[in-house]
Amino acid sequence: MLKGVDPLLGPELLAILRAMGHGDEIAVVDANYPAETHGKRVVRMDGHTASAILEAVLSLLPLDGGDAAFRPCPLGIAIAWNPSSLTSKR
């Protein structure tokens, strides 16, 4: 049993996070995103909010910094996101 690891992070996602290095990217998307079409590897986490998943990932894997995180906006223009504004609603 791993202590201090968010239970949302299952073995498949933990293996992916472990293998990631500087410059690698991960997308946390909602159910409407065509992940099976666009993703090389897809880990489904049905029933959990994107913010809860993101908080769990960030608890183990820090951002590279700068403009590393983006969020969608109405016009489709990527906007830098401040992870310190994240609040968990599990």
PDB file of N, CA and C in Angstrom:
ATOM      1  N   MET A   1       0.843  -1.183   0.000  1.00  0.00           N
ATOM      2  CA  MET A   1       0.000   0.000   0.000  1.00  0.00           C
ATOM      3  C   MET A   1       0.887   1.245   0.000  1.00  0.00           C
ATOM      4  N   LEU A   2       0.590   2.156  -0.892  1.00  0.00           N
ATOM      5  CA  LEU A   2       1.320   3.421  -0.944  1.00  0.00           C
ATOM      6  C   LEU A   2       0.636   4.433  -0.038  1.00  0.00           C
ATOM      7  N   LYS A   3       1.398   5.062   0.812  1.00  0.00           N
ATOM      8  CA  LYS A   3       0.833   6.064   1.714  1.00  0.00           C
ATOM      9  C   LYS A   3       0.991   7.444   1.096  1.00  0.00           C
ATOM     10  N   GLY A   4      -0.028   8.275   1.273  1.00  0.00           N
ATOM     11  CA  GLY A   4       0.032   9.642   0.780  1.00  0.00           C
ATOM     12  C   GLY A   4      -0.323   9.807  -0.683  1.00  0.00           C
ATOM     13  N   VAL A   5      -0.748   8.733  -1.335  1.00  0.00           N
ATOM     14  CA  VAL A   5      -1.140   8.803  -2.741  1.00  0.00           C
ATOM     15  C   VAL A   5      -2.660   8.873  -2.804  1.00  0.00           C
ATOM     16  N   ASP A   6      -3.168   9.868  -3.509  1.00  0.00           N
ATOM     17  CA  ASP A   6      -4.612  10.032  -3.647  1.00  0.00           C
ATOM     18  C   ASP A   6      -5.224   8.756  -4.221  1.00  0.00           C
ATOM     19  N   PRO A   7      -6.286   8.220  -3.629  1.00  0.00           N
ATOM     20  CA  PRO A   7      -6.898   6.984  -4.120  1.00  0.00           C
ATOM     21  C   PRO A   7      -7.493   7.096  -5.525  1.00  0.00           C
ATOM     22  N   LEU A   8      -7.674   8.300  -6.043  1.00  0.00           N
ATOM     23  CA  LEU A   8      -8.137   8.452  -7.427  1.00  0.00           C
ATOM     24  C   LEU A   8      -7.092   7.966  -8.426  1.00  0.00           C
ATOM     25  N   LEU A   9      -5.842   7.980  -8.030  1.00  0.00           N
ATOM     26  CA  LEU A   9      -4.761   7.614  -8.933  1.00  0.00           C
ATOM     27  C   LEU A   9      -4.560   6.101  -8.893  1.00  0.00           C
ATOM     28  N   GLY A  10      -5.130   5.431  -9.873  1.00  0.00           N
ATOM     29  CA  GLY A  10      -5.014   3.977  -9.958  1.00  0.00           C
ATOM     30  C   GLY A  10      -3.680   3.556 -10.539  1.00  0.00           C
ATOM     31  N   PRO A  11      -3.422   2.254 -10.600  1.00  0.00           N
ATOM     32  CA  PRO A  11      -2.128   1.747 -11.051  1.00  0.00           C
ATOM     33  C   PRO A  11      -1.758   2.139 -12.482  1.00  0.00           C
ATOM     34  N   GLU A  12      -2.736   2.159 -13.378  1.00  0.00           N
ATOM     35  CA  GLU A  12      -2.438   2.517 -14.771  1.00  0.00           C
ATOM     36  C   GLU A  12      -1.988   3.969 -14.874  1.00  0.00           C
ATOM     37  N   LEU A  13      -2.712   4.876 -14.212  1.00  0.00           N
ATOM     38  CA  LEU A  13      -2.346   6.289 -14.260  1.00  0.00           C
ATOM     39  C   LEU A  13      -1.038   6.538 -13.521  1.00  0.00           C
ATOM     40  N   LEU A  14      -0.813   5.869 -12.402  1.00  0.00           N
ATOM     41  CA  LEU A  14       0.450   6.018 -11.678  1.00  0.00           C
ATOM     42  C   LEU A  14       1.635   5.593 -12.539  1.00  0.00           C
ATOM     43  N   ALA A  15       1.482   4.529 -13.313  1.00  0.00           N
ATOM     44  CA  ALA A  15       2.557   4.078 -14.205  1.00  0.00           C
ATOM     45  C   ALA A  15       2.844   5.111 -15.280  1.00  0.00           C
ATOM     46  N   ILE A  16       1.796   5.723 -15.812  1.00  0.00           N
ATOM     47  CA  ILE A  16       1.974   6.762 -16.835  1.00  0.00           C
ATOM     48  C   ILE A  16       2.680   7.975 -16.236  1.00  0.00           C
ATOM     49  N   LEU A  17       2.241   8.398 -15.052  1.00  0.00           N
ATOM     50  CA  LEU A  17       2.860   9.556 -14.401  1.00  0.00           C
ATOM     51  C   LEU A  17       4.329   9.283 -14.074  1.00  0.00           C
ATOM     52  N   ARG A  18       4.623   8.064 -13.636  1.00  0.00           N
ATOM     53  CA  ARG A  18       5.996   7.698 -13.306  1.00  0.00           C
ATOM     54  C   ARG A  18       6.906   7.791 -14.531  1.00  0.00           C
ATOM     55  N   ALA A  19       6.382   7.446 -15.685  1.00  0.00           N
ATOM     56  CA  ALA A  19       7.177   7.439 -16.907  1.00  0.00           C
ATOM     57  C   ALA A  19       7.331   8.820 -17.536  1.00  0.00           C
ATOM     58  N   MET A  20       6.583   9.804 -17.053  1.00  0.00           N
ATOM     59  CA  MET A  20       6.630  11.139 -17.648  1.00  0.00           C
ATOM     60  C   MET A  20       7.898  11.877 -17.243  1.00  0.00           C
ATOM     61  N   GLY A  21       8.381  12.691 -18.157  1.00  0.00           N
ATOM     62  CA  GLY A  21       9.550  13.525 -17.903  1.00  0.00           C
ATOM     63  C   GLY A  21       9.270  14.970 -18.268  1.00  0.00           C
ATOM     64  N   HIS A  22      10.304  15.798 -18.213  1.00  0.00           N
ATOM     65  CA  HIS A  22      10.150  17.208 -18.559  1.00  0.00           C
ATOM     66  C   HIS A  22       9.650  17.337 -19.995  1.00  0.00           C
ATOM     67  N   GLY A  23       8.666  18.183 -20.181  1.00  0.00           N
ATOM     68  CA  GLY A  23       8.127  18.437 -21.507  1.00  0.00           C
ATOM     69  C   GLY A  23       7.019  17.494 -21.933  1.00  0.00           C
ATOM     70  N   ASP A  24       6.811  16.395 -21.207  1.00  0.00           N
ATOM     71  CA  ASP A  24       5.707  15.497 -21.536  1.00  0.00           C
ATOM     72  C   ASP A  24       4.390  16.155 -21.157  1.00  0.00           C
ATOM     73  N   GLU A  25       3.338  15.763 -21.828  1.00  0.00           N
ATOM     74  CA  GLU A  25       2.028  16.371 -21.605  1.00  0.00           C
ATOM     75  C   GLU A  25       1.001  15.326 -21.224  1.00  0.00           C
ATOM     76  N   ILE A  26       0.056  15.769 -20.410  1.00  0.00           N
ATOM     77  CA  ILE A  26      -1.087  14.938 -20.043  1.00  0.00           C
ATOM     78  C   ILE A  26      -2.324  15.820 -20.142  1.00  0.00           C
ATOM     79  N   ALA A  27      -3.405  15.266 -20.639  1.00  0.00           N
ATOM     80  CA  ALA A  27      -4.650  16.035 -20.778  1.00  0.00           C
ATOM     81  C   ALA A  27      -5.696  15.451 -19.830  1.00  0.00           C
ATOM     82  N   VAL A  28      -6.296  16.301 -19.036  1.00  0.00           N
ATOM     83  CA  VAL A  28      -7.422  15.922 -18.191  1.00  0.00           C
ATOM     84  C   VAL A  28      -8.636  16.558 -18.846  1.00  0.00           C
ATOM     85  N   VAL A  29      -9.507  15.725 -19.393  1.00  0.00           N
ATOM     86  CA  VAL A  29     -10.633  16.222 -20.191  1.00  0.00           C
ATOM     87  C   VAL A  29     -11.938  15.643 -19.675  1.00  0.00           C
ATOM     88  N   ASP A  30     -13.043  16.247 -20.096  1.00  0.00           N
ATOM     89  CA  ASP A  30     -14.347  15.736 -19.667  1.00  0.00           C
ATOM     90  C   ASP A  30     -14.830  14.652 -20.635  1.00  0.00           C
ATOM     91  N   ALA A  31     -15.994  14.124 -20.355  1.00  0.00           N
ATOM     92  CA  ALA A  31     -16.537  13.003 -21.121  1.00  0.00           C
ATOM     93  C   ALA A  31     -16.868  13.367 -22.567  1.00  0.00           C
ATOM     94  N   ASN A  32     -16.985  14.634 -22.893  1.00  0.00           N
ATOM     95  CA  ASN A  32     -17.338  15.051 -24.249  1.00  0.00           C
ATOM     96  C   ASN A  32     -16.139  15.142 -25.187  1.00  0.00           C
ATOM     97  N   TYR A  33     -14.927  15.009 -24.659  1.00  0.00           N
ATOM     98  CA  TYR A  33     -13.722  15.075 -25.489  1.00  0.00           C
ATOM     99  C   TYR A  33     -13.513  13.729 -26.185  1.00  0.00           C
ATOM    100  N   PRO A  34     -13.217  13.729 -27.484  1.00  0.00           N
ATOM    101  CA  PRO A  34     -13.026  12.465 -28.209  1.00  0.00           C
ATOM    102  C   PRO A  34     -11.651  11.842 -27.922  1.00  0.00           C
ATOM    103  N   ALA A  35     -11.443  11.416 -26.690  1.00  0.00           N
ATOM    104  CA  ALA A  35     -10.136  10.921 -26.253  1.00  0.00           C
ATOM    105  C   ALA A  35      -9.686   9.681 -27.022  1.00  0.00           C
ATOM    106  N   GLU A  36     -10.597   8.784 -27.322  1.00  0.00           N
ATOM    107  CA  GLU A  36     -10.223   7.560 -28.036  1.00  0.00           C
ATOM    108  C   GLU A  36      -9.671   7.879 -29.422  1.00  0.00           C
ATOM    109  N   THR A  37     -10.103   8.991 -30.004  1.00  0.00           N
ATOM    110  CA  THR A  37      -9.627   9.404 -31.320  1.00  0.00           C
ATOM    111  C   THR A  37      -8.302  10.150 -31.228  1.00  0.00           C
ATOM    112  N   HIS A  38      -8.151  11.011 -30.212  1.00  0.00           N
ATOM    113  CA  HIS A  38      -6.986  11.895 -30.130  1.00  0.00           C
ATOM    114  C   HIS A  38      -5.878  11.406 -29.206  1.00  0.00           C
ATOM    115  N   GLY A  39      -6.173  10.530 -28.281  1.00  0.00           N
ATOM    116  CA  GLY A  39      -5.175  10.132 -27.296  1.00  0.00           C
ATOM    117  C   GLY A  39      -4.417   8.882 -27.680  1.00  0.00           C
ATOM    118  N   LYS A  40      -3.099   8.881 -27.412  1.00  0.00           N
ATOM    119  CA  LYS A  40      -2.307   7.668 -27.626  1.00  0.00           C
ATOM    120  C   LYS A  40      -2.621   6.641 -26.541  1.00  0.00           C
ATOM    121  N   ARG A  41      -2.727   7.131 -25.303  1.00  0.00           N
ATOM    122  CA  ARG A  41      -3.124   6.292 -24.169  1.00  0.00           C
ATOM    123  C   ARG A  41      -4.265   7.003 -23.471  1.00  0.00           C
ATOM    124  N   VAL A  42      -5.302   6.268 -23.148  1.00  0.00           N
ATOM    125  CA  VAL A  42      -6.473   6.847 -22.500  1.00  0.00           C
ATOM    126  C   VAL A  42      -6.738   6.103 -21.199  1.00  0.00           C
ATOM    127  N   VAL A  43      -6.847   6.862 -20.121  1.00  0.00           N
ATOM    128  CA  VAL A  43      -7.221   6.303 -18.826  1.00  0.00           C
ATOM    129  C   VAL A  43      -8.568   6.919 -18.472  1.00  0.00           C
ATOM    130  N   ARG A  44      -9.602   6.114 -18.481  1.00  0.00           N
ATOM    131  CA  ARG A  44     -10.938   6.619 -18.155  1.00  0.00           C
ATOM    132  C   ARG A  44     -11.095   6.705 -16.640  1.00  0.00           C
ATOM    133  N   MET A  45     -11.690   7.786 -16.178  1.00  0.00           N
ATOM    134  CA  MET A  45     -11.931   7.973 -14.756  1.00  0.00           C
ATOM    135  C   MET A  45     -13.360   8.447 -14.554  1.00  0.00           C
ATOM    136  N   ASP A  46     -14.280   7.676 -15.099  1.00  0.00           N
ATOM    137  CA  ASP A  46     -15.693   8.024 -15.047  1.00  0.00           C
ATOM    138  C   ASP A  46     -16.155   8.232 -13.605  1.00  0.00           C
ATOM    139  N   GLY A  47     -17.005   9.228 -13.423  1.00  0.00           N
ATOM    140  CA  GLY A  47     -17.576   9.498 -12.109  1.00  0.00           C
ATOM    141  C   GLY A  47     -16.776  10.464 -11.257  1.00  0.00           C
ATOM    142  N   HIS A  48     -15.649  10.948 -11.763  1.00  0.00           N
ATOM    143  CA  HIS A  48     -14.834  11.909 -11.011  1.00  0.00           C
ATOM    144  C   HIS A  48     -14.750  13.206 -11.800  1.00  0.00           C
ATOM    145  N   THR A  49     -14.713  14.323 -11.094  1.00  0.00           N
ATOM    146  CA  THR A  49     -14.615  15.620 -11.770  1.00  0.00           C
ATOM    147  C   THR A  49     -13.189  15.847 -12.254  1.00  0.00           C
ATOM    148  N   ALA A  50     -13.078  16.629 -13.307  1.00  0.00           N
ATOM    149  CA  ALA A  50     -11.758  16.962 -13.837  1.00  0.00           C
ATOM    150  C   ALA A  50     -10.918  17.678 -12.787  1.00  0.00           C
ATOM    151  N   SER A  51     -11.539  18.538 -11.983  1.00  0.00           N
ATOM    152  CA  SER A  51     -10.769  19.270 -10.966  1.00  0.00           C
ATOM    153  C   SER A  51     -10.238  18.322  -9.893  1.00  0.00           C
ATOM    154  N   ALA A  52     -11.004  17.296  -9.509  1.00  0.00           N
ATOM    155  CA  ALA A  52     -10.532  16.325  -8.518  1.00  0.00           C
ATOM    156  C   ALA A  52      -9.377  15.502  -9.084  1.00  0.00           C
ATOM    157  N   ILE A  53      -9.487  15.105 -10.350  1.00  0.00           N
ATOM    158  CA  ILE A  53      -8.424  14.334 -10.995  1.00  0.00           C
ATOM    159  C   ILE A  53      -7.169  15.184 -11.114  1.00  0.00           C
ATOM    160  N   LEU A  54      -7.333  16.432 -11.539  1.00  0.00           N
ATOM    161  CA  LEU A  54      -6.194  17.324 -11.686  1.00  0.00           C
ATOM    162  C   LEU A  54      -5.501  17.560 -10.348  1.00  0.00           C
ATOM    163  N   GLU A  55      -6.275  17.752  -9.299  1.00  0.00           N
ATOM    164  CA  GLU A  55      -5.697  17.951  -7.975  1.00  0.00           C
ATOM    165  C   GLU A  55      -4.898  16.708  -7.552  1.00  0.00           C
ATOM    166  N   ALA A  56      -5.418  15.522  -7.834  1.00  0.00           N
ATOM    167  CA  ALA A  56      -4.717  14.283  -7.481  1.00  0.00           C
ATOM    168  C   ALA A  56      -3.404  14.159  -8.259  1.00  0.00           C
ATOM    169  N   VAL A  57      -3.448  14.462  -9.550  1.00  0.00           N
ATOM    170  CA  VAL A  57      -2.233  14.391 -10.375  1.00  0.00           C
ATOM    171  C   VAL A  57      -1.198  15.399  -9.886  1.00  0.00           C
ATOM    172  N   LEU A  58      -1.643  16.625  -9.624  1.00  0.00           N
ATOM    173  CA  LEU A  58      -0.707  17.668  -9.187  1.00  0.00           C
ATOM    174  C   LEU A  58      -0.134  17.406  -7.805  1.00  0.00           C
ATOM    175  N   SER A  59      -0.790  16.544  -7.015  1.00  0.00           N
ATOM    176  CA  SER A  59      -0.245  16.214  -5.698  1.00  0.00           C
ATOM    177  C   SER A  59       1.026  15.382  -5.813  1.00  0.00           C
ATOM    178  N   LEU A  60       1.218  14.728  -6.958  1.00  0.00           N
ATOM    179  CA  LEU A  60       2.412  13.914  -7.175  1.00  0.00           C
ATOM    180  C   LEU A  60       3.348  14.447  -8.242  1.00  0.00           C
ATOM    181  N   LEU A  61       2.803  15.134  -9.226  1.00  0.00           N
ATOM    182  CA  LEU A  61       3.587  15.557 -10.381  1.00  0.00           C
ATOM    183  C   LEU A  61       3.461  17.064 -10.552  1.00  0.00           C
ATOM    184  N   PRO A  62       4.464  17.830 -10.138  1.00  0.00           N
ATOM    185  CA  PRO A  62       4.367  19.290 -10.256  1.00  0.00           C
ATOM    186  C   PRO A  62       4.456  19.742 -11.715  1.00  0.00           C
ATOM    187  N   LEU A  63       3.915  20.903 -11.975  1.00  0.00           N
ATOM    188  CA  LEU A  63       4.005  21.489 -13.309  1.00  0.00           C
ATOM    189  C   LEU A  63       5.430  21.950 -13.575  1.00  0.00           C
ATOM    190  N   ASP A  64       5.808  21.971 -14.851  1.00  0.00           N
ATOM    191  CA  ASP A  64       7.136  22.453 -15.218  1.00  0.00           C
ATOM    192  C   ASP A  64       7.286  23.945 -14.963  1.00  0.00           C
ATOM    193  N   GLY A  65       6.185  24.658 -14.839  1.00  0.00           N
ATOM    194  CA  GLY A  65       6.245  26.093 -14.585  1.00  0.00           C
ATOM    195  C   GLY A  65       5.858  26.892 -15.819  1.00  0.00           C
ATOM    196  N   GLY A  66       5.834  28.199 -15.653  1.00  0.00           N
ATOM    197  CA  GLY A  66       5.469  29.062 -16.773  1.00  0.00           C
ATOM    198  C   GLY A  66       4.033  28.844 -17.187  1.00  0.00           C
ATOM    199  N   ASP A  67       3.814  28.674 -18.470  1.00  0.00           N
ATOM    200  CA  ASP A  67       2.470  28.476 -19.015  1.00  0.00           C
ATOM    201  C   ASP A  67       2.184  26.995 -19.233  1.00  0.00           C
ATOM    202  N   ALA A  68       2.467  26.168 -18.228  1.00  0.00           N
ATOM    203  CA  ALA A  68       2.324  24.721 -18.376  1.00  0.00           C
ATOM    204  C   ALA A  68       0.880  24.247 -18.340  1.00  0.00           C
ATOM    205  N   ALA A  69      -0.011  24.986 -17.716  1.00  0.00           N
ATOM    206  CA  ALA A  69      -1.401  24.534 -17.609  1.00  0.00           C
ATOM    207  C   ALA A  69      -2.317  25.502 -18.344  1.00  0.00           C
ATOM    208  N   PHE A  70      -3.288  24.930 -19.046  1.00  0.00           N
ATOM    209  CA  PHE A  70      -4.253  25.731 -19.782  1.00  0.00           C
ATOM    210  C   PHE A  70      -5.645  25.242 -19.477  1.00  0.00           C
ATOM    211  N   ARG A  71      -6.598  26.108 -19.674  1.00  0.00           N
ATOM    212  CA  ARG A  71      -7.992  25.731 -19.509  1.00  0.00           C
ATOM    213  C   ARG A  71      -8.759  26.232 -20.718  1.00  0.00           C
ATOM    214  N   PRO A  72      -9.890  25.595 -21.039  1.00  0.00           N
ATOM    215  CA  PRO A  72     -10.650  26.039 -22.201  1.00  0.00           C
ATOM    216  C   PRO A  72     -11.335  27.379 -21.937  1.00  0.00           C
ATOM    217  N   CYS A  73     -11.600  28.081 -22.989  1.00  0.00           N
ATOM    218  CA  CYS A  73     -12.353  29.329 -22.874  1.00  0.00           C
ATOM    219  C   CYS A  73     -13.401  29.350 -23.980  1.00  0.00           C
ATOM    220  N   PRO A  74     -14.379  30.246 -23.912  1.00  0.00           N
ATOM    221  CA  PRO A  74     -15.476  30.245 -24.881  1.00  0.00           C
ATOM    222  C   PRO A  74     -15.049  30.335 -26.346  1.00  0.00           C
ATOM    223  N   LEU A  75     -13.969  31.032 -26.639  1.00  0.00           N
ATOM    224  CA  LEU A  75     -13.560  31.199 -28.027  1.00  0.00           C
ATOM    225  C   LEU A  75     -12.508  30.191 -28.454  1.00  0.00           C
ATOM    226  N   GLY A  76     -12.140  29.264 -27.582  1.00  0.00           N
ATOM    227  CA  GLY A  76     -11.163  28.246 -27.932  1.00  0.00           C
ATOM    228  C   GLY A  76      -9.729  28.719 -27.846  1.00  0.00           C
ATOM    229  N   ILE A  77      -9.487  29.881 -27.272  1.00  0.00           N
ATOM    230  CA  ILE A  77      -8.138  30.392 -27.110  1.00  0.00           C
ATOM    231  C   ILE A  77      -7.609  29.900 -25.767  1.00  0.00           C
ATOM    232  N   ALA A  78      -6.453  29.244 -25.787  1.00  0.00           N
ATOM    233  CA  ALA A  78      -5.890  28.705 -24.548  1.00  0.00           C
ATOM    234  C   ALA A  78      -5.517  29.843 -23.604  1.00  0.00           C
ATOM    235  N   ILE A  79      -5.922  29.712 -22.362  1.00  0.00           N
ATOM    236  CA  ILE A  79      -5.643  30.709 -21.340  1.00  0.00           C
ATOM    237  C   ILE A  79      -4.840  30.037 -20.235  1.00  0.00           C
ATOM    238  N   ALA A  80      -3.746  30.651 -19.819  1.00  0.00           N
ATOM    239  CA  ALA A  80      -2.943  30.088 -18.734  1.00  0.00           C
ATOM    240  C   ALA A  80      -3.800  29.984 -17.479  1.00  0.00           C
ATOM    241  N   TRP A  81      -3.576  28.935 -16.708  1.00  0.00           N
ATOM    242  CA  TRP A  81      -4.386  28.643 -15.534  1.00  0.00           C
ATOM    243  C   TRP A  81      -3.505  28.613 -14.301  1.00  0.00           C
ATOM    244  N   ASN A  82      -4.015  29.115 -13.202  1.00  0.00           N
ATOM    245  CA  ASN A  82      -3.268  29.159 -11.952  1.00  0.00           C
ATOM    246  C   ASN A  82      -3.694  27.982 -11.078  1.00  0.00           C
ATOM    247  N   PRO A  83      -2.837  26.938 -10.929  1.00  0.00           N
ATOM    248  CA  PRO A  83      -3.246  25.769 -10.160  1.00  0.00           C
ATOM    249  C   PRO A  83      -3.503  26.053  -8.691  1.00  0.00           C
ATOM    250  N   SER A  84      -3.016  27.157  -8.162  1.00  0.00           N
ATOM    251  CA  SER A  84      -3.271  27.472  -6.756  1.00  0.00           C
ATOM    252  C   SER A  84      -4.727  27.849  -6.509  1.00  0.00           C
ATOM    253  N   SER A  85      -5.490  28.099  -7.589  1.00  0.00           N
ATOM    254  CA  SER A  85      -6.902  28.430  -7.447  1.00  0.00           C
ATOM    255  C   SER A  85      -7.782  27.179  -7.424  1.00  0.00           C
ATOM    256  N   LEU A  86      -7.174  25.993  -7.531  1.00  0.00           N
ATOM    257  CA  LEU A  86      -7.906  24.734  -7.564  1.00  0.00           C
ATOM    258  C   LEU A  86      -8.528  24.436  -6.217  1.00  0.00           C
ATOM    259  N   THR A  87      -9.804  24.054  -6.238  1.00  0.00           N
ATOM    260  CA  THR A  87     -10.469  23.630  -5.013  1.00  0.00           C
ATOM    261  C   THR A  87     -11.109  22.285  -5.262  1.00  0.00           C
ATOM    262  N   SER A  88     -10.961  21.390  -4.341  1.00  0.00           N
ATOM    263  CA  SER A  88     -11.488  20.032  -4.500  1.00  0.00           C
ATOM    264  C   SER A  88     -12.981  20.016  -4.157  1.00  0.00           C
ATOM    265  N   LYS A  89     -13.759  19.304  -4.988  1.00  0.00           N
ATOM    266  CA  LYS A  89     -15.202  19.156  -4.749  1.00  0.00           C
ATOM    267  C   LYS A  89     -15.571  17.694  -4.947  1.00  0.00           C
ATOM    268  N   ARG A  90     -14.871  16.813  -4.238  1.00  0.00           N
ATOM    269  CA  ARG A  90     -15.156  15.377  -4.379  1.00  0.00           C
ATOM    270  C   ARG A  90     -16.339  15.007  -3.611  1.00  0.00           C
TER     271      ARG A  90
END
